[in-house]
Amino acid sequence: MSFTAKDLNPLVRGDDWTIKLSVTQDNSVVDITGYTYYFTLKSDIDAADPGDLQVTATSSGVDAAAGIVFINATDTQTNTLEPKTYNYDVQQIDDTGNVQTLLIGKVKVVKDVTRTIS
């Protein structure tokens, strides 16, 4: 499996983010049960992990058997990000410990207008 270079659509600071990935190989679904995923944002690509934001997700159940994983960042996690363009990647660690980068690119984090929730 090789990585895909893909810039993401802009995301809003202070929002809950969900990234849905469908993992396939040679047009066939991959059972990703027990796999771990890392979504990492860095303004400086050479900075040490966790960078500006790092979210971990694991796969299980029916979604995992269908090759689907949801990576979620909470509003609390995204609230402190500075609005600007970040480098990101999504890495997968399979059930045998092999590491692969699935996606790599840039994502713009834009300012939210409402800074308080009542």
PDB file of N, CA and C in Angstrom:
ATOM      1  N   MET A   1       0.850  -1.175   0.000  1.00  0.00           N
ATOM      2  CA  MET A   1       0.000   0.000   0.000  1.00  0.00           C
ATOM      3  C   MET A   1       0.892   1.234   0.000  1.00  0.00           C
ATOM      4  N   SER A   2       0.589   2.207  -0.821  1.00  0.00           N
ATOM      5  CA  SER A   2       1.351   3.449  -0.828  1.00  0.00           C
ATOM      6  C   SER A   2       0.473   4.580  -0.323  1.00  0.00           C
ATOM      7  N   PHE A   3       1.107   5.679   0.036  1.00  0.00           N
ATOM      8  CA  PHE A   3       0.349   6.807   0.569  1.00  0.00           C
ATOM      9  C   PHE A   3      -0.318   7.594  -0.557  1.00  0.00           C
ATOM     10  N   THR A   4      -1.320   8.372  -0.174  1.00  0.00           N
ATOM     11  CA  THR A   4      -1.994   9.280  -1.087  1.00  0.00           C
ATOM     12  C   THR A   4      -1.703  10.701  -0.640  1.00  0.00           C
ATOM     13  N   ALA A   5      -1.222  11.527  -1.547  1.00  0.00           N
ATOM     14  CA  ALA A   5      -1.025  12.948  -1.263  1.00  0.00           C
ATOM     15  C   ALA A   5      -2.370  13.632  -1.474  1.00  0.00           C
ATOM     16  N   LYS A   6      -2.894  14.244  -0.413  1.00  0.00           N
ATOM     17  CA  LYS A   6      -4.223  14.856  -0.501  1.00  0.00           C
ATOM     18  C   LYS A   6      -4.327  16.001   0.496  1.00  0.00           C
ATOM     19  N   ASP A   7      -4.598  17.193  -0.011  1.00  0.00           N
ATOM     20  CA  ASP A   7      -4.898  18.304   0.872  1.00  0.00           C
ATOM     21  C   ASP A   7      -6.356  18.187   1.302  1.00  0.00           C
ATOM     22  N   LEU A   8      -6.599  18.381   2.591  1.00  0.00           N
ATOM     23  CA  LEU A   8      -7.960  18.284   3.126  1.00  0.00           C
ATOM     24  C   LEU A   8      -8.693  19.601   2.958  1.00  0.00           C
ATOM     25  N   ASN A   9     -10.019  19.535   2.941  1.00  0.00           N
ATOM     26  CA  ASN A   9     -10.828  20.749   2.959  1.00  0.00           C
ATOM     27  C   ASN A   9     -10.571  21.472   4.276  1.00  0.00           C
ATOM     28  N   PRO A  10     -10.717  22.800   4.296  1.00  0.00           N
ATOM     29  CA  PRO A  10     -10.472  23.542   5.539  1.00  0.00           C
ATOM     30  C   PRO A  10     -11.332  23.024   6.694  1.00  0.00           C
ATOM     31  N   LEU A  11     -10.750  23.068   7.891  1.00  0.00           N
ATOM     32  CA  LEU A  11     -11.425  22.685   9.121  1.00  0.00           C
ATOM     33  C   LEU A  11     -11.500  23.912  10.031  1.00  0.00           C
ATOM     34  N   VAL A  12     -12.506  23.966  10.875  1.00  0.00           N
ATOM     35  CA  VAL A  12     -12.729  25.137  11.722  1.00  0.00           C
ATOM     36  C   VAL A  12     -12.193  24.880  13.129  1.00  0.00           C
ATOM     37  N   ARG A  13     -11.370  25.818  13.606  1.00  0.00           N
ATOM     38  CA  ARG A  13     -10.853  25.758  14.965  1.00  0.00           C
ATOM     39  C   ARG A  13     -12.026  25.728  15.945  1.00  0.00           C
ATOM     40  N   GLY A  14     -11.905  24.916  16.988  1.00  0.00           N
ATOM     41  CA  GLY A  14     -12.939  24.852  18.015  1.00  0.00           C
ATOM     42  C   GLY A  14     -14.110  23.938  17.681  1.00  0.00           C
ATOM     43  N   ASP A  15     -14.088  23.307  16.522  1.00  0.00           N
ATOM     44  CA  ASP A  15     -15.143  22.360  16.142  1.00  0.00           C
ATOM     45  C   ASP A  15     -14.684  20.931  16.431  1.00  0.00           C
ATOM     46  N   ASP A  16     -15.645  20.015  16.494  1.00  0.00           N
ATOM     47  CA  ASP A  16     -15.348  18.595  16.511  1.00  0.00           C
ATOM     48  C   ASP A  16     -15.064  18.186  15.066  1.00  0.00           C
ATOM     49  N   TRP A  17     -13.987  17.460  14.868  1.00  0.00           N
ATOM     50  CA  TRP A  17     -13.623  16.987  13.525  1.00  0.00           C
ATOM     51  C   TRP A  17     -13.752  15.467  13.481  1.00  0.00           C
ATOM     52  N   THR A  18     -14.292  14.970  12.385  1.00  0.00           N
ATOM     53  CA  THR A  18     -14.327  13.529  12.148  1.00  0.00           C
ATOM     54  C   THR A  18     -13.808  13.267  10.747  1.00  0.00           C
ATOM     55  N   ILE A  19     -12.810  12.415  10.678  1.00  0.00           N
ATOM     56  CA  ILE A  19     -12.259  11.995   9.396  1.00  0.00           C
ATOM     57  C   ILE A  19     -12.590  10.516   9.242  1.00  0.00           C
ATOM     58  N   LYS A  20     -13.293  10.198   8.173  1.00  0.00           N
ATOM     59  CA  LYS A  20     -13.669   8.808   7.890  1.00  0.00           C
ATOM     60  C   LYS A  20     -12.757   8.277   6.798  1.00  0.00           C
ATOM     61  N   LEU A  21     -12.081   7.176   7.099  1.00  0.00           N
ATOM     62  CA  LEU A  21     -11.215   6.538   6.110  1.00  0.00           C
ATOM     63  C   LEU A  21     -11.761   5.174   5.749  1.00  0.00           C
ATOM     64  N   SER A  22     -11.723   4.865   4.471  1.00  0.00           N
ATOM     65  CA  SER A  22     -12.056   3.531   3.977  1.00  0.00           C
ATOM     66  C   SER A  22     -10.769   2.931   3.437  1.00  0.00           C
ATOM     67  N   VAL A  23     -10.312   1.874   4.071  1.00  0.00           N
ATOM     68  CA  VAL A  23      -9.031   1.267   3.717  1.00  0.00           C
ATOM     69  C   VAL A  23      -9.270   0.103   2.745  1.00  0.00           C
ATOM     70  N   THR A  24      -8.650   0.228   1.578  1.00  0.00           N
ATOM     71  CA  THR A  24      -8.734  -0.822   0.559  1.00  0.00           C
ATOM     72  C   THR A  24      -7.339  -1.100   0.018  1.00  0.00           C
ATOM     73  N   GLN A  25      -7.208  -2.265  -0.583  1.00  0.00           N
ATOM     74  CA  GLN A  25      -5.982  -2.606  -1.289  1.00  0.00           C
ATOM     75  C   GLN A  25      -6.377  -3.377  -2.533  1.00  0.00           C
ATOM     76  N   ASP A  26      -5.916  -2.901  -3.668  1.00  0.00           N
ATOM     77  CA  ASP A  26      -6.274  -3.516  -4.954  1.00  0.00           C
ATOM     78  C   ASP A  26      -7.793  -3.590  -5.112  1.00  0.00           C
ATOM     79  N   ASN A  27      -8.479  -2.518  -4.729  1.00  0.00           N
ATOM     80  CA  ASN A  27      -9.933  -2.384  -4.815  1.00  0.00           C
ATOM     81  C   ASN A  27     -10.694  -3.367  -3.947  1.00  0.00           C
ATOM     82  N   SER A  28     -10.023  -3.969  -2.971  1.00  0.00           N
ATOM     83  CA  SER A  28     -10.687  -4.880  -2.027  1.00  0.00           C
ATOM     84  C   SER A  28     -10.611  -4.281  -0.630  1.00  0.00           C
ATOM     85  N   VAL A  29     -11.685  -4.479   0.123  1.00  0.00           N
ATOM     86  CA  VAL A  29     -11.744  -3.998   1.502  1.00  0.00           C
ATOM     87  C   VAL A  29     -10.705  -4.728   2.338  1.00  0.00           C
ATOM     88  N   VAL A  30     -10.041  -3.993   3.234  1.00  0.00           N
ATOM     89  CA  VAL A  30      -9.076  -4.572   4.165  1.00  0.00           C
ATOM     90  C   VAL A  30      -9.728  -4.624   5.543  1.00  0.00           C
ATOM     91  N   ASP A  31      -9.730  -5.785   6.167  1.00  0.00           N
ATOM     92  CA  ASP A  31     -10.228  -5.901   7.539  1.00  0.00           C
ATOM     93  C   ASP A  31      -9.177  -5.283   8.448  1.00  0.00           C
ATOM     94  N   ILE A  32      -9.509  -4.143   9.050  1.00  0.00           N
ATOM     95  CA  ILE A  32      -8.545  -3.386   9.854  1.00  0.00           C
ATOM     96  C   ILE A  32      -8.784  -3.566  11.354  1.00  0.00           C
ATOM     97  N   THR A  33      -9.416  -4.646  11.723  1.00  0.00           N
ATOM     98  CA  THR A  33      -9.668  -4.937  13.132  1.00  0.00           C
ATOM     99  C   THR A  33      -8.344  -4.953  13.891  1.00  0.00           C
ATOM    100  N   GLY A  34      -8.272  -4.174  14.964  1.00  0.00           N
ATOM    101  CA  GLY A  34      -7.081  -4.111  15.793  1.00  0.00           C
ATOM    102  C   GLY A  34      -6.009  -3.156  15.316  1.00  0.00           C
ATOM    103  N   TYR A  35      -6.218  -2.494  14.188  1.00  0.00           N
ATOM    104  CA  TYR A  35      -5.247  -1.532  13.688  1.00  0.00           C
ATOM    105  C   TYR A  35      -5.370  -0.239  14.499  1.00  0.00           C
ATOM    106  N   THR A  36      -4.280   0.530  14.550  1.00  0.00           N
ATOM    107  CA  THR A  36      -4.250   1.829  15.220  1.00  0.00           C
ATOM    108  C   THR A  36      -3.905   2.896  14.185  1.00  0.00           C
ATOM    109  N   TYR A  37      -4.530   4.063  14.347  1.00  0.00           N
ATOM    110  CA  TYR A  37      -4.331   5.178  13.414  1.00  0.00           C
ATOM    111  C   TYR A  37      -3.922   6.427  14.172  1.00  0.00           C
ATOM    112  N   TYR A  38      -3.001   7.188  13.572  1.00  0.00           N
ATOM    113  CA  TYR A  38      -2.561   8.466  14.127  1.00  0.00           C
ATOM    114  C   TYR A  38      -2.806   9.550  13.093  1.00  0.00           C
ATOM    115  N   PHE A  39      -3.500  10.603  13.513  1.00  0.00           N
ATOM    116  CA  PHE A  39      -3.697  11.809  12.703  1.00  0.00           C
ATOM    117  C   PHE A  39      -2.880  12.891  13.387  1.00  0.00           C
ATOM    118  N   THR A  40      -1.882  13.423  12.693  1.00  0.00           N
ATOM    119  CA  THR A  40      -0.962  14.392  13.282  1.00  0.00           C
ATOM    120  C   THR A  40      -0.953  15.669  12.460  1.00  0.00           C
ATOM    121  N   LEU A  41      -1.058  16.818  13.157  1.00  0.00           N
ATOM    122  CA  LEU A  41      -0.936  18.145  12.544  1.00  0.00           C
ATOM    123  C   LEU A  41       0.339  18.791  13.054  1.00  0.00           C
ATOM    124  N   LYS A  42       1.114  19.391  12.136  1.00  0.00           N
ATOM    125  CA  LYS A  42       2.318  20.120  12.527  1.00  0.00           C
ATOM    126  C   LYS A  42       2.463  21.354  11.649  1.00  0.00           C
ATOM    127  N   SER A  43       2.737  22.489  12.289  1.00  0.00           N
ATOM    128  CA  SER A  43       3.059  23.673  11.500  1.00  0.00           C
ATOM    129  C   SER A  43       4.502  23.573  10.999  1.00  0.00           C
ATOM    130  N   ASP A  44       5.372  22.940  11.785  1.00  0.00           N
ATOM    131  CA  ASP A  44       6.751  22.667  11.394  1.00  0.00           C
ATOM    132  C   ASP A  44       6.875  21.166  11.221  1.00  0.00           C
ATOM    133  N   ILE A  45       7.007  20.720   9.995  1.00  0.00           N
ATOM    134  CA  ILE A  45       7.003  19.291   9.702  1.00  0.00           C
ATOM    135  C   ILE A  45       8.124  18.543  10.418  1.00  0.00           C
ATOM    136  N   ASP A  46       9.201  19.257  10.801  1.00  0.00           N
ATOM    137  CA  ASP A  46      10.332  18.627  11.481  1.00  0.00           C
ATOM    138  C   ASP A  46      10.195  18.631  13.000  1.00  0.00           C
ATOM    139  N   ALA A  47       9.114  19.200  13.532  1.00  0.00           N
ATOM    140  CA  ALA A  47       8.897  19.215  14.983  1.00  0.00           C
ATOM    141  C   ALA A  47       8.663  17.795  15.492  1.00  0.00           C
ATOM    142  N   ALA A  48       9.012  17.592  16.753  1.00  0.00           N
ATOM    143  CA  ALA A  48       8.801  16.276  17.365  1.00  0.00           C
ATOM    144  C   ALA A  48       7.305  16.018  17.544  1.00  0.00           C
ATOM    145  N   ASP A  49       6.929  14.741  17.548  1.00  0.00           N
ATOM    146  CA  ASP A  49       5.546  14.376  17.854  1.00  0.00           C
ATOM    147  C   ASP A  49       5.267  14.721  19.306  1.00  0.00           C
ATOM    148  N   PRO A  50       4.111  15.174  19.664  1.00  0.00           N
ATOM    149  CA  PRO A  50       2.869  15.092  18.904  1.00  0.00           C
ATOM    150  C   PRO A  50       2.606  16.268  17.972  1.00  0.00           C
ATOM    151  N   GLY A  51       3.514  17.222  17.838  1.00  0.00           N
ATOM    152  CA  GLY A  51       3.267  18.368  16.985  1.00  0.00           C
ATOM    153  C   GLY A  51       2.206  19.263  17.594  1.00  0.00           C
ATOM    154  N   ASP A  52       1.412  19.902  16.746  1.00  0.00           N
ATOM    155  CA  ASP A  52       0.366  20.806  17.227  1.00  0.00           C
ATOM    156  C   ASP A  52      -0.882  20.053  17.669  1.00  0.00           C
ATOM    157  N   LEU A  53      -1.113  18.884  17.084  1.00  0.00           N
ATOM    158  CA  LEU A  53      -2.265  18.052  17.445  1.00  0.00           C
ATOM    159  C   LEU A  53      -1.981  16.627  16.982  1.00  0.00           C
ATOM    160  N   GLN A  54      -2.250  15.672  17.848  1.00  0.00           N
ATOM    161  CA  GLN A  54      -2.157  14.271  17.453  1.00  0.00           C
ATOM    162  C   GLN A  54      -3.323  13.519  18.071  1.00  0.00           C
ATOM    163  N   VAL A  55      -4.059  12.806  17.233  1.00  0.00           N
ATOM    164  CA  VAL A  55      -5.226  12.045  17.654  1.00  0.00           C
ATOM    165  C   VAL A  55      -4.993  10.585  17.288  1.00  0.00           C
ATOM    166  N   THR A  56      -5.342   9.696  18.210  1.00  0.00           N
ATOM    167  CA  THR A  56      -5.207   8.262  17.994  1.00  0.00           C
ATOM    168  C   THR A  56      -6.589   7.637  17.868  1.00  0.00           C
ATOM    169  N   ALA A  57      -6.733   6.709  16.954  1.00  0.00           N
ATOM    170  CA  ALA A  57      -7.988   5.970  16.789  1.00  0.00           C
ATOM    171  C   ALA A  57      -7.652   4.495  16.617  1.00  0.00           C
ATOM    172  N   THR A  58      -8.538   3.647  17.123  1.00  0.00           N
ATOM    173  CA  THR A  58      -8.403   2.209  16.901  1.00  0.00           C
ATOM    174  C   THR A  58      -9.654   1.719  16.177  1.00  0.00           C
ATOM    175  N   SER A  59      -9.514   0.595  15.528  1.00  0.00           N
ATOM    176  CA  SER A  59     -10.619   0.071  14.736  1.00  0.00           C
ATOM    177  C   SER A  59     -11.118  -1.231  15.344  1.00  0.00           C
ATOM    178  N   SER A  60     -12.454  -1.375  15.326  1.00  0.00           N
ATOM    179  CA  SER A  60     -13.050  -2.616  15.834  1.00  0.00           C
ATOM    180  C   SER A  60     -14.465  -2.754  15.282  1.00  0.00           C
ATOM    181  N   GLY A  61     -15.028  -3.940  15.447  1.00  0.00           N
ATOM    182  CA  GLY A  61     -16.421  -4.181  15.099  1.00  0.00           C
ATOM    183  C   GLY A  61     -16.687  -4.247  13.613  1.00  0.00           C
ATOM    184  N   VAL A  62     -17.946  -3.999  13.282  1.00  0.00           N
ATOM    185  CA  VAL A  62     -18.421  -4.112  11.899  1.00  0.00           C
ATOM    186  C   VAL A  62     -17.710  -3.120  10.985  1.00  0.00           C
ATOM    187  N   ASP A  63     -17.515  -1.881  11.468  1.00  0.00           N
ATOM    188  CA  ASP A  63     -16.828  -0.883  10.637  1.00  0.00           C
ATOM    189  C   ASP A  63     -15.424  -1.351  10.269  1.00  0.00           C
ATOM    190  N   ALA A  64     -14.685  -1.876  11.252  1.00  0.00           N
ATOM    191  CA  ALA A  64     -13.319  -2.331  10.997  1.00  0.00           C
ATOM    192  C   ALA A  64     -13.303  -3.477   9.989  1.00  0.00           C
ATOM    193  N   ALA A  65     -14.225  -4.402  10.115  1.00  0.00           N
ATOM    194  CA  ALA A  65     -14.301  -5.522   9.167  1.00  0.00           C
ATOM    195  C   ALA A  65     -14.578  -5.023   7.751  1.00  0.00           C
ATOM    196  N   ALA A  66     -15.264  -3.871   7.654  1.00  0.00           N
ATOM    197  CA  ALA A  66     -15.564  -3.262   6.357  1.00  0.00           C
ATOM    198  C   ALA A  66     -14.476  -2.278   5.925  1.00  0.00           C
ATOM    199  N   GLY A  67     -13.365  -2.210   6.676  1.00  0.00           N
ATOM    200  CA  GLY A  67     -12.252  -1.339   6.306  1.00  0.00           C
ATOM    201  C   GLY A  67     -12.457   0.118   6.637  1.00  0.00           C
ATOM    202  N   ILE A  68     -13.358   0.424   7.575  1.00  0.00           N
ATOM    203  CA  ILE A  68     -13.686   1.821   7.891  1.00  0.00           C
ATOM    204  C   ILE A  68     -13.198   2.173   9.290  1.00  0.00           C
ATOM    205  N   VAL A  69     -12.534   3.324   9.398  1.00  0.00           N
ATOM    206  CA  VAL A  69     -12.121   3.862  10.688  1.00  0.00           C
ATOM    207  C   VAL A  69     -12.518   5.337  10.742  1.00  0.00           C
ATOM    208  N   PHE A  70     -12.956   5.766  11.915  1.00  0.00           N
ATOM    209  CA  PHE A  70     -13.295   7.162  12.158  1.00  0.00           C
ATOM    210  C   PHE A  70     -12.242   7.751  13.094  1.00  0.00           C
ATOM    211  N   ILE A  71     -11.620   8.835  12.659  1.00  0.00           N
ATOM    212  CA  ILE A  71     -10.643   9.538  13.481  1.00  0.00           C
ATOM    213  C   ILE A  71     -11.322  10.813  13.959  1.00  0.00           C
ATOM    214  N   ASN A  72     -11.435  10.955  15.284  1.00  0.00           N
ATOM    215  CA  ASN A  72     -12.171  12.081  15.860  1.00  0.00           C
ATOM    216  C   ASN A  72     -11.253  12.966  16.692  1.00  0.00           C
ATOM    217  N   ALA A  73     -11.334  14.271  16.432  1.00  0.00           N
ATOM    218  CA  ALA A  73     -10.682  15.278  17.275  1.00  0.00           C
ATOM    219  C   ALA A  73     -11.798  16.104  17.898  1.00  0.00           C
ATOM    220  N   THR A  74     -11.733  16.301  19.209  1.00  0.00           N
ATOM    221  CA  THR A  74     -12.793  17.018  19.910  1.00  0.00           C
ATOM    222  C   THR A  74     -12.614  18.527  19.801  1.00  0.00           C
ATOM    223  N   ASP A  75     -13.689  19.255  20.078  1.00  0.00           N
ATOM    224  CA  ASP A  75     -13.622  20.713  20.073  1.00  0.00           C
ATOM    225  C   ASP A  75     -12.575  21.221  21.068  1.00  0.00           C
ATOM    226  N   THR A  76     -12.414  20.532  22.176  1.00  0.00           N
ATOM    227  CA  THR A  76     -11.400  20.910  23.165  1.00  0.00           C
ATOM    228  C   THR A  76     -10.001  20.782  22.571  1.00  0.00           C
ATOM    229  N   GLN A  77      -9.771  19.741  21.792  1.00  0.00           N
ATOM    230  CA  GLN A  77      -8.458  19.542  21.172  1.00  0.00           C
ATOM    231  C   GLN A  77      -8.177  20.556  20.073  1.00  0.00           C
ATOM    232  N   THR A  78      -9.187  20.936  19.304  1.00  0.00           N
ATOM    233  CA  THR A  78      -8.970  21.844  18.176  1.00  0.00           C
ATOM    234  C   THR A  78      -9.059  23.308  18.575  1.00  0.00           C
ATOM    235  N   ASN A  79      -9.606  23.584  19.754  1.00  0.00           N
ATOM    236  CA  ASN A  79      -9.850  24.953  20.201  1.00  0.00           C
ATOM    237  C   ASN A  79      -8.575  25.772  20.357  1.00  0.00           C
ATOM    238  N   THR A  80      -7.477  25.140  20.679  1.00  0.00           N
ATOM    239  CA  THR A  80      -6.234  25.873  20.942  1.00  0.00           C
ATOM    240  C   THR A  80      -5.355  26.039  19.705  1.00  0.00           C
ATOM    241  N   LEU A  81      -5.776  25.488  18.574  1.00  0.00           N
ATOM    242  CA  LEU A  81      -4.970  25.600  17.360  1.00  0.00           C
ATOM    243  C   LEU A  81      -4.973  27.027  16.832  1.00  0.00           C
ATOM    244  N   GLU A  82      -3.833  27.439  16.338  1.00  0.00           N
ATOM    245  CA  GLU A  82      -3.722  28.738  15.683  1.00  0.00           C
ATOM    246  C   GLU A  82      -4.268  28.598  14.263  1.00  0.00           C
ATOM    247  N   PRO A  83      -5.134  29.524  13.842  1.00  0.00           N
ATOM    248  CA  PRO A  83      -5.644  29.438  12.467  1.00  0.00           C
ATOM    249  C   PRO A  83      -4.512  29.668  11.460  1.00  0.00           C
ATOM    250  N   LYS A  84      -4.218  28.650  10.665  1.00  0.00           N
ATOM    251  CA  LYS A  84      -3.185  28.700   9.621  1.00  0.00           C
ATOM    252  C   LYS A  84      -3.178  27.357   8.893  1.00  0.00           C
ATOM    253  N   THR A  85      -2.273  27.187   7.977  1.00  0.00           N
ATOM    254  CA  THR A  85      -2.145  25.943   7.229  1.00  0.00           C
ATOM    255  C   THR A  85      -1.118  25.040   7.912  1.00  0.00           C
ATOM    256  N   TYR A  86      -1.520  23.788   8.108  1.00  0.00           N
ATOM    257  CA  TYR A  86      -0.684  22.793   8.774  1.00  0.00           C
ATOM    258  C   TYR A  86      -0.344  21.662   7.807  1.00  0.00           C
ATOM    259  N   ASN A  87       0.754  20.980   8.086  1.00  0.00           N
ATOM    260  CA  ASN A  87       1.071  19.707   7.455  1.00  0.00           C
ATOM    261  C   ASN A  87       0.365  18.634   8.267  1.00  0.00           C
ATOM    262  N   TYR A  88      -0.117  17.608   7.610  1.00  0.00           N
ATOM    263  CA  TYR A  88      -0.763  16.508   8.332  1.00  0.00           C
ATOM    264  C   TYR A  88      -0.378  15.189   7.687  1.00  0.00           C
ATOM    265  N   ASP A  89      -0.535  14.129   8.462  1.00  0.00           N
ATOM    266  CA  ASP A  89      -0.517  12.796   7.888  1.00  0.00           C
ATOM    267  C   ASP A  89      -1.403  11.883   8.717  1.00  0.00           C
ATOM    268  N   VAL A  90      -1.754  10.758   8.117  1.00  0.00           N
ATOM    269  CA  VAL A  90      -2.467   9.690   8.811  1.00  0.00           C
ATOM    270  C   VAL A  90      -1.604   8.453   8.663  1.00  0.00           C
ATOM    271  N   GLN A  91      -1.199   7.902   9.807  1.00  0.00           N
ATOM    272  CA  GLN A  91      -0.409   6.681   9.800  1.00  0.00           C
ATOM    273  C   GLN A  91      -1.228   5.533  10.366  1.00  0.00           C
ATOM    274  N   GLN A  92      -0.970   4.369   9.826  1.00  0.00           N
ATOM    275  CA  GLN A  92      -1.649   3.142  10.237  1.00  0.00           C
ATOM    276  C   GLN A  92      -0.603   2.182  10.798  1.00  0.00           C
ATOM    277  N   ILE A  93      -0.926   1.568  11.927  1.00  0.00           N
ATOM    278  CA  ILE A  93      -0.114   0.471  12.450  1.00  0.00           C
ATOM    279  C   ILE A  93      -1.020  -0.754  12.446  1.00  0.00           C
ATOM    280  N   ASP A  94      -0.630  -1.758  11.654  1.00  0.00           N
ATOM    281  CA  ASP A  94      -1.493  -2.929  11.528  1.00  0.00           C
ATOM    282  C   ASP A  94      -1.310  -3.872  12.714  1.00  0.00           C
ATOM    283  N   ASP A  95      -2.027  -4.980  12.688  1.00  0.00           N
ATOM    284  CA  ASP A  95      -2.027  -5.908  13.817  1.00  0.00           C
ATOM    285  C   ASP A  95      -0.718  -6.680  13.979  1.00  0.00           C
ATOM    286  N   THR A  96       0.218  -6.516  13.030  1.00  0.00           N
ATOM    287  CA  THR A  96       1.539  -7.138  13.182  1.00  0.00           C
ATOM    288  C   THR A  96       2.618  -6.114  13.504  1.00  0.00           C
ATOM    289  N   GLY A  97       2.225  -4.818  13.626  1.00  0.00           N
ATOM    290  CA  GLY A  97       3.168  -3.765  13.974  1.00  0.00           C
ATOM    291  C   GLY A  97       3.752  -3.006  12.799  1.00  0.00           C
ATOM    292  N   ASN A  98       3.355  -3.360  11.567  1.00  0.00           N
ATOM    293  CA  ASN A  98       3.840  -2.625  10.399  1.00  0.00           C
ATOM    294  C   ASN A  98       3.236  -1.228  10.359  1.00  0.00           C
ATOM    295  N   VAL A  99       4.060  -0.231  10.054  1.00  0.00           N
ATOM    296  CA  VAL A  99       3.642   1.171  10.003  1.00  0.00           C
ATOM    297  C   VAL A  99       3.592   1.631   8.560  1.00  0.00           C
ATOM    298  N   GLN A 100       2.479   2.274   8.191  1.00  0.00           N
ATOM    299  CA  GLN A 100       2.341   2.835   6.852  1.00  0.00           C
ATOM    300  C   GLN A 100       1.657   4.192   6.940  1.00  0.00           C
ATOM    301  N   THR A 101       2.148   5.135   6.156  1.00  0.00           N
ATOM    302  CA  THR A 101       1.475   6.417   6.005  1.00  0.00           C
ATOM    303  C   THR A 101       0.438   6.255   4.903  1.00  0.00           C
ATOM    304  N   LEU A 102      -0.819   6.551   5.233  1.00  0.00           N
ATOM    305  CA  LEU A 102      -1.907   6.410   4.257  1.00  0.00           C
ATOM    306  C   LEU A 102      -2.177   7.708   3.516  1.00  0.00           C
ATOM    307  N   LEU A 103      -2.187   8.815   4.258  1.00  0.00           N
ATOM    308  CA  LEU A 103      -2.471  10.136   3.684  1.00  0.00           C
ATOM    309  C   LEU A 103      -1.418  11.117   4.167  1.00  0.00           C
ATOM    310  N   ILE A 104      -1.075  12.070   3.304  1.00  0.00           N
ATOM    311  CA  ILE A 104      -0.156  13.133   3.688  1.00  0.00           C
ATOM    312  C   ILE A 104      -0.493  14.369   2.866  1.00  0.00           C
ATOM    313  N   GLY A 105      -0.447  15.531   3.508  1.00  0.00           N
ATOM    314  CA  GLY A 105      -0.757  16.754   2.783  1.00  0.00           C
ATOM    315  C   GLY A 105      -0.853  17.944   3.712  1.00  0.00           C
ATOM    316  N   LYS A 106      -1.697  18.882   3.327  1.00  0.00           N
ATOM    317  CA  LYS A 106      -1.893  20.111   4.094  1.00  0.00           C
ATOM    318  C   LYS A 106      -3.372  20.282   4.408  1.00  0.00           C
ATOM    319  N   VAL A 107      -3.637  20.991   5.504  1.00  0.00           N
ATOM    320  CA  VAL A 107      -5.004  21.344   5.864  1.00  0.00           C
ATOM    321  C   VAL A 107      -4.982  22.741   6.482  1.00  0.00           C
ATOM    322  N   LYS A 108      -5.911  23.562   6.051  1.00  0.00           N
ATOM    323  CA  LYS A 108      -6.033  24.912   6.592  1.00  0.00           C
ATOM    324  C   LYS A 108      -7.036  24.882   7.738  1.00  0.00           C
ATOM    325  N   VAL A 109      -6.621  25.405   8.877  1.00  0.00           N
ATOM    326  CA  VAL A 109      -7.520  25.576  10.016  1.00  0.00           C
ATOM    327  C   VAL A 109      -7.941  27.039  10.023  1.00  0.00           C
ATOM    328  N   VAL A 110      -9.242  27.273   9.918  1.00  0.00           N
ATOM    329  CA  VAL A 110      -9.758  28.639   9.850  1.00  0.00           C
ATOM    330  C   VAL A 110     -10.339  29.057  11.195  1.00  0.00           C
ATOM    331  N   LYS A 111     -10.385  30.373  11.412  1.00  0.00           N
ATOM    332  CA  LYS A 111     -10.929  30.920  12.647  1.00  0.00           C
ATOM    333  C   LYS A 111     -12.410  30.632  12.751  1.00  0.00           C
ATOM    334  N   ASP A 112     -12.837  30.275  13.947  1.00  0.00           N
ATOM    335  CA  ASP A 112     -14.255  30.181  14.220  1.00  0.00           C
ATOM    336  C   ASP A 112     -14.748  31.561  14.646  1.00  0.00           C
ATOM    337  N   VAL A 113     -15.977  31.875  14.360  1.00  0.00           N
ATOM    338  CA  VAL A 113     -16.536  33.182  14.709  1.00  0.00           C
ATOM    339  C   VAL A 113     -17.032  33.158  16.157  1.00  0.00           C
ATOM    340  N   THR A 114     -17.766  32.134  16.507  1.00  0.00           N
ATOM    341  CA  THR A 114     -18.297  31.998  17.872  1.00  0.00           C
ATOM    342  C   THR A 114     -17.237  31.347  18.734  1.00  0.00           C
ATOM    343  N   ARG A 115     -16.755  32.054  19.754  1.00  0.00           N
ATOM    344  CA  ARG A 115     -15.701  31.529  20.619  1.00  0.00           C
ATOM    345  C   ARG A 115     -16.254  31.036  21.952  1.00  0.00           C
ATOM    346  N   THR A 116     -17.540  31.252  22.218  1.00  0.00           N
ATOM    347  CA  THR A 116     -18.142  30.741  23.453  1.00  0.00           C
ATOM    348  C   THR A 116     -19.405  29.982  23.098  1.00  0.00           C
ATOM    349  N   ILE A 117     -19.709  29.005  23.908  1.00  0.00           N
ATOM    350  CA  ILE A 117     -20.946  28.227  23.708  1.00  0.00           C
ATOM    351  C   ILE A 117     -21.761  28.399  24.975  1.00  0.00           C
ATOM    352  N   SER A 118     -23.036  28.854  24.799  1.00  0.00           N
ATOM    353  CA  SER A 118     -23.871  29.047  25.989  1.00  0.00           C
ATOM    354  C   SER A 118     -25.029  28.093  26.008  1.00  0.00           C
TER     355      SER A 118
END
